[in-house]
Amino acid sequence: MSEKKAPLPRFIATDHMPPKMIRPNPQPSAPQPKAPQPSQGNNGGGK
């Protein structure tokens, strides 16, 4: 049971960390991941 309790708190900590990083960097993070995705789809699908 001790091993199962360890991964649980670790997962919760990571969940709280990502939201904080995504909020402060919503503009720089969104344009980068969103730009490459639509670019490949339009270039590959269009051509």
PDB file of N, CA and C in Angstrom:
ATOM      1  N   MET A   1       0.850  -1.216   0.000  1.00  0.00           N
ATOM      2  CA  MET A   1       0.000   0.000   0.000  1.00  0.00           C
ATOM      3  C   MET A   1       0.883   1.265   0.000  1.00  0.00           C
ATOM      4  N   SER A   2       2.045   1.124   0.630  1.00  0.00           N
ATOM      5  CA  SER A   2       2.934   2.321   0.701  1.00  0.00           C
ATOM      6  C   SER A   2       3.390   2.693  -0.712  1.00  0.00           C
ATOM      7  N   GLU A   3       3.606   1.710  -1.551  1.00  0.00           N
ATOM      8  CA  GLU A   3       4.074   2.019  -2.929  1.00  0.00           C
ATOM      9  C   GLU A   3       2.946   2.694  -3.723  1.00  0.00           C
ATOM     10  N   LYS A   4       1.731   2.243  -3.503  1.00  0.00           N
ATOM     11  CA  LYS A   4       0.596   2.832  -4.259  1.00  0.00           C
ATOM     12  C   LYS A   4       0.342   4.274  -3.801  1.00  0.00           C
ATOM     13  N   LYS A   5       0.587   4.522  -2.534  1.00  0.00           N
ATOM     14  CA  LYS A   5       0.327   5.898  -2.023  1.00  0.00           C
ATOM     15  C   LYS A   5       1.398   6.863  -2.558  1.00  0.00           C
ATOM     16  N   ALA A   6       2.571   6.373  -2.834  1.00  0.00           N
ATOM     17  CA  ALA A   6       3.662   7.255  -3.313  1.00  0.00           C
ATOM     18  C   ALA A   6       3.315   7.815  -4.705  1.00  0.00           C
ATOM     19  N   PRO A   7       2.910   7.001  -5.659  1.00  0.00           N
ATOM     20  CA  PRO A   7       2.613   7.466  -7.021  1.00  0.00           C
ATOM     21  C   PRO A   7       1.411   8.409  -7.033  1.00  0.00           C
ATOM     22  N   LEU A   8       0.486   8.204  -6.149  1.00  0.00           N
ATOM     23  CA  LEU A   8      -0.717   9.079  -6.120  1.00  0.00           C
ATOM     24  C   LEU A   8      -0.317  10.532  -5.858  1.00  0.00           C
ATOM     25  N   PRO A   9       0.402  10.797  -4.764  1.00  0.00           N
ATOM     26  CA  PRO A   9       0.820  12.188  -4.460  1.00  0.00           C
ATOM     27  C   PRO A   9       1.708  12.744  -5.569  1.00  0.00           C
ATOM     28  N   ARG A  10       2.460  11.892  -6.197  1.00  0.00           N
ATOM     29  CA  ARG A  10       3.359  12.370  -7.267  1.00  0.00           C
ATOM     30  C   ARG A  10       2.509  12.821  -8.473  1.00  0.00           C
ATOM     31  N   PHE A  11       1.484  12.077  -8.779  1.00  0.00           N
ATOM     32  CA  PHE A  11       0.640  12.437  -9.933  1.00  0.00           C
ATOM     33  C   PHE A  11      -0.086  13.760  -9.658  1.00  0.00           C
ATOM     34  N   ILE A  12      -0.558  13.901  -8.440  1.00  0.00           N
ATOM     35  CA  ILE A  12      -1.289  15.144  -8.079  1.00  0.00           C
ATOM     36  C   ILE A  12      -0.343  16.354  -8.191  1.00  0.00           C
ATOM     37  N   ALA A  13       0.897  16.142  -7.754  1.00  0.00           N
ATOM     38  CA  ALA A  13       1.869  17.259  -7.797  1.00  0.00           C
ATOM     39  C   ALA A  13       2.101  17.667  -9.252  1.00  0.00           C
ATOM     40  N   THR A  14       2.224  16.707 -10.143  1.00  0.00           N
ATOM     41  CA  THR A  14       2.477  17.033 -11.560  1.00  0.00           C
ATOM     42  C   THR A  14       1.241  17.735 -12.145  1.00  0.00           C
ATOM     43  N   ASP A  15       0.055  17.293 -11.757  1.00  0.00           N
ATOM     44  CA  ASP A  15      -1.168  17.930 -12.287  1.00  0.00           C
ATOM     45  C   ASP A  15      -1.208  19.403 -11.880  1.00  0.00           C
ATOM     46  N   HIS A  16      -0.805  19.686 -10.647  1.00  0.00           N
ATOM     47  CA  HIS A  16      -0.852  21.093 -10.184  1.00  0.00           C
ATOM     48  C   HIS A  16       0.251  21.919 -10.852  1.00  0.00           C
ATOM     49  N   MET A  17       1.354  21.273 -11.165  1.00  0.00           N
ATOM     50  CA  MET A  17       2.491  22.016 -11.769  1.00  0.00           C
ATOM     51  C   MET A  17       2.180  22.434 -13.221  1.00  0.00           C
ATOM     52  N   PRO A  18       1.706  21.548 -14.049  1.00  0.00           N
ATOM     53  CA  PRO A  18       1.428  21.873 -15.467  1.00  0.00           C
ATOM     54  C   PRO A  18       0.447  23.032 -15.612  1.00  0.00           C
ATOM     55  N   PRO A  19      -0.650  23.028 -14.882  1.00  0.00           N
ATOM     56  CA  PRO A  19      -1.634  24.130 -14.990  1.00  0.00           C
ATOM     57  C   PRO A  19      -0.983  25.471 -14.678  1.00  0.00           C
ATOM     58  N   LYS A  20      -0.073  25.486 -13.723  1.00  0.00           N
ATOM     59  CA  LYS A  20       0.586  26.767 -13.365  1.00  0.00           C
ATOM     60  C   LYS A  20       1.512  27.206 -14.512  1.00  0.00           C
ATOM     61  N   MET A  21       2.185  26.249 -15.099  1.00  0.00           N
ATOM     62  CA  MET A  21       3.126  26.603 -16.194  1.00  0.00           C
ATOM     63  C   MET A  21       2.331  27.003 -17.450  1.00  0.00           C
ATOM     64  N   ILE A  22       1.252  26.308 -17.705  1.00  0.00           N
ATOM     65  CA  ILE A  22       0.452  26.617 -18.921  1.00  0.00           C
ATOM     66  C   ILE A  22      -0.206  27.993 -18.770  1.00  0.00           C
ATOM     67  N   ARG A  23      -0.601  28.334 -17.562  1.00  0.00           N
ATOM     68  CA  ARG A  23      -1.304  29.633 -17.363  1.00  0.00           C
ATOM     69  C   ARG A  23      -0.330  30.807 -17.593  1.00  0.00           C
ATOM     70  N   PRO A  24       0.846  30.757 -16.981  1.00  0.00           N
ATOM     71  CA  PRO A  24       1.799  31.866 -17.146  1.00  0.00           C
ATOM     72  C   PRO A  24       2.337  31.926 -18.571  1.00  0.00           C
ATOM     73  N   ASN A  25       2.428  30.792 -19.231  1.00  0.00           N
ATOM     74  CA  ASN A  25       2.952  30.790 -20.620  1.00  0.00           C
ATOM     75  C   ASN A  25       1.865  30.320 -21.601  1.00  0.00           C
ATOM     76  N   PRO A  26       0.691  30.916 -21.572  1.00  0.00           N
ATOM     77  CA  PRO A  26      -0.392  30.479 -22.460  1.00  0.00           C
ATOM     78  C   PRO A  26      -0.168  30.970 -23.890  1.00  0.00           C
ATOM     79  N   GLN A  27       0.446  32.121 -24.028  1.00  0.00           N
ATOM     80  CA  GLN A  27       0.662  32.678 -25.380  1.00  0.00           C
ATOM     81  C   GLN A  27       1.864  31.989 -26.066  1.00  0.00           C
ATOM     82  N   PRO A  28       3.027  31.944 -25.443  1.00  0.00           N
ATOM     83  CA  PRO A  28       4.216  31.345 -26.061  1.00  0.00           C
ATOM     84  C   PRO A  28       4.026  29.839 -26.256  1.00  0.00           C
ATOM     85  N   SER A  29       3.287  29.211 -25.357  1.00  0.00           N
ATOM     86  CA  SER A  29       3.105  27.750 -25.453  1.00  0.00           C
ATOM     87  C   SER A  29       2.033  27.428 -26.511  1.00  0.00           C
ATOM     88  N   ALA A  30       0.988  28.203 -26.573  1.00  0.00           N
ATOM     89  CA  ALA A  30      -0.122  27.927 -27.517  1.00  0.00           C
ATOM     90  C   ALA A  30       0.329  28.131 -28.968  1.00  0.00           C
ATOM     91  N   PRO A  31       0.931  29.232 -29.310  1.00  0.00           N
ATOM     92  CA  PRO A  31       1.349  29.508 -30.704  1.00  0.00           C
ATOM     93  C   PRO A  31       2.338  28.454 -31.205  1.00  0.00           C
ATOM     94  N   GLN A  32       3.219  27.994 -30.345  1.00  0.00           N
ATOM     95  CA  GLN A  32       4.234  27.022 -30.809  1.00  0.00           C
ATOM     96  C   GLN A  32       3.597  25.669 -31.146  1.00  0.00           C
ATOM     97  N   PRO A  33       2.886  25.037 -30.194  1.00  0.00           N
ATOM     98  CA  PRO A  33       2.285  23.709 -30.443  1.00  0.00           C
ATOM     99  C   PRO A  33       1.136  23.794 -31.431  1.00  0.00           C
ATOM    100  N   LYS A  34       0.422  24.900 -31.435  1.00  0.00           N
ATOM    101  CA  LYS A  34      -0.745  25.029 -32.343  1.00  0.00           C
ATOM    102  C   LYS A  34      -0.263  25.362 -33.768  1.00  0.00           C
ATOM    103  N   ALA A  35       0.804  26.060 -33.898  1.00  0.00           N
ATOM    104  CA  ALA A  35       1.285  26.455 -35.244  1.00  0.00           C
ATOM    105  C   ALA A  35       1.795  25.227 -36.009  1.00  0.00           C
ATOM    106  N   PRO A  36       2.611  24.389 -35.396  1.00  0.00           N
ATOM    107  CA  PRO A  36       3.179  23.223 -36.102  1.00  0.00           C
ATOM    108  C   PRO A  36       2.085  22.224 -36.466  1.00  0.00           C
ATOM    109  N   GLN A  37       1.081  22.063 -35.628  1.00  0.00           N
ATOM    110  CA  GLN A  37       0.022  21.077 -35.912  1.00  0.00           C
ATOM    111  C   GLN A  37      -0.793  21.497 -37.138  1.00  0.00           C
ATOM    112  N   PRO A  38      -1.391  22.664 -37.154  1.00  0.00           N
ATOM    113  CA  PRO A  38      -2.196  23.126 -38.303  1.00  0.00           C
ATOM    114  C   PRO A  38      -1.336  23.258 -39.561  1.00  0.00           C
ATOM    115  N   SER A  39      -0.082  23.595 -39.390  1.00  0.00           N
ATOM    116  CA  SER A  39       0.814  23.774 -40.555  1.00  0.00           C
ATOM    117  C   SER A  39       0.960  22.440 -41.282  1.00  0.00           C
ATOM    118  N   GLN A  40       1.238  21.367 -40.524  1.00  0.00           N
ATOM    119  CA  GLN A  40       1.449  20.050 -41.160  1.00  0.00           C
ATOM    120  C   GLN A  40       0.131  19.573 -41.790  1.00  0.00           C
ATOM    121  N   GLY A  41      -0.984  19.775 -41.099  1.00  0.00           N
ATOM    122  CA  GLY A  41      -2.287  19.315 -41.615  1.00  0.00           C
ATOM    123  C   GLY A  41      -2.626  20.057 -42.909  1.00  0.00           C
ATOM    124  N   ASN A  42      -2.444  21.356 -42.954  1.00  0.00           N
ATOM    125  CA  ASN A  42      -2.791  22.136 -44.158  1.00  0.00           C
ATOM    126  C   ASN A  42      -1.835  21.789 -45.304  1.00  0.00           C
ATOM    127  N   ASN A  43      -0.565  21.682 -44.977  1.00  0.00           N
ATOM    128  CA  ASN A  43       0.422  21.391 -46.043  1.00  0.00           C
ATOM    129  C   ASN A  43       0.216  19.973 -46.580  1.00  0.00           C
ATOM    130  N   GLY A  44       0.027  19.022 -45.659  1.00  0.00           N
ATOM    131  CA  GLY A  44      -0.127  17.615 -46.095  1.00  0.00           C
ATOM    132  C   GLY A  44      -1.497  17.409 -46.744  1.00  0.00           C
ATOM    133  N   GLY A  45      -2.554  17.935 -46.139  1.00  0.00           N
ATOM    134  CA  GLY A  45      -3.920  17.736 -46.682  1.00  0.00           C
ATOM    135  C   GLY A  45      -4.121  18.546 -47.956  1.00  0.00           C
ATOM    136  N   GLY A  46      -3.672  19.785 -47.962  1.00  0.00           N
ATOM    137  CA  GLY A  46      -3.860  20.649 -49.146  1.00  0.00           C
ATOM    138  C   GLY A  46      -3.131  20.061 -50.345  1.00  0.00           C
ATOM    139  N   LYS A  47      -1.880  19.687 -50.117  1.00  0.00           N
ATOM    140  CA  LYS A  47      -1.091  19.175 -51.269  1.00  0.00           C
ATOM    141  C   LYS A  47      -1.465  17.714 -51.520  1.00  0.00           C
TER     142      LYS A  47
END
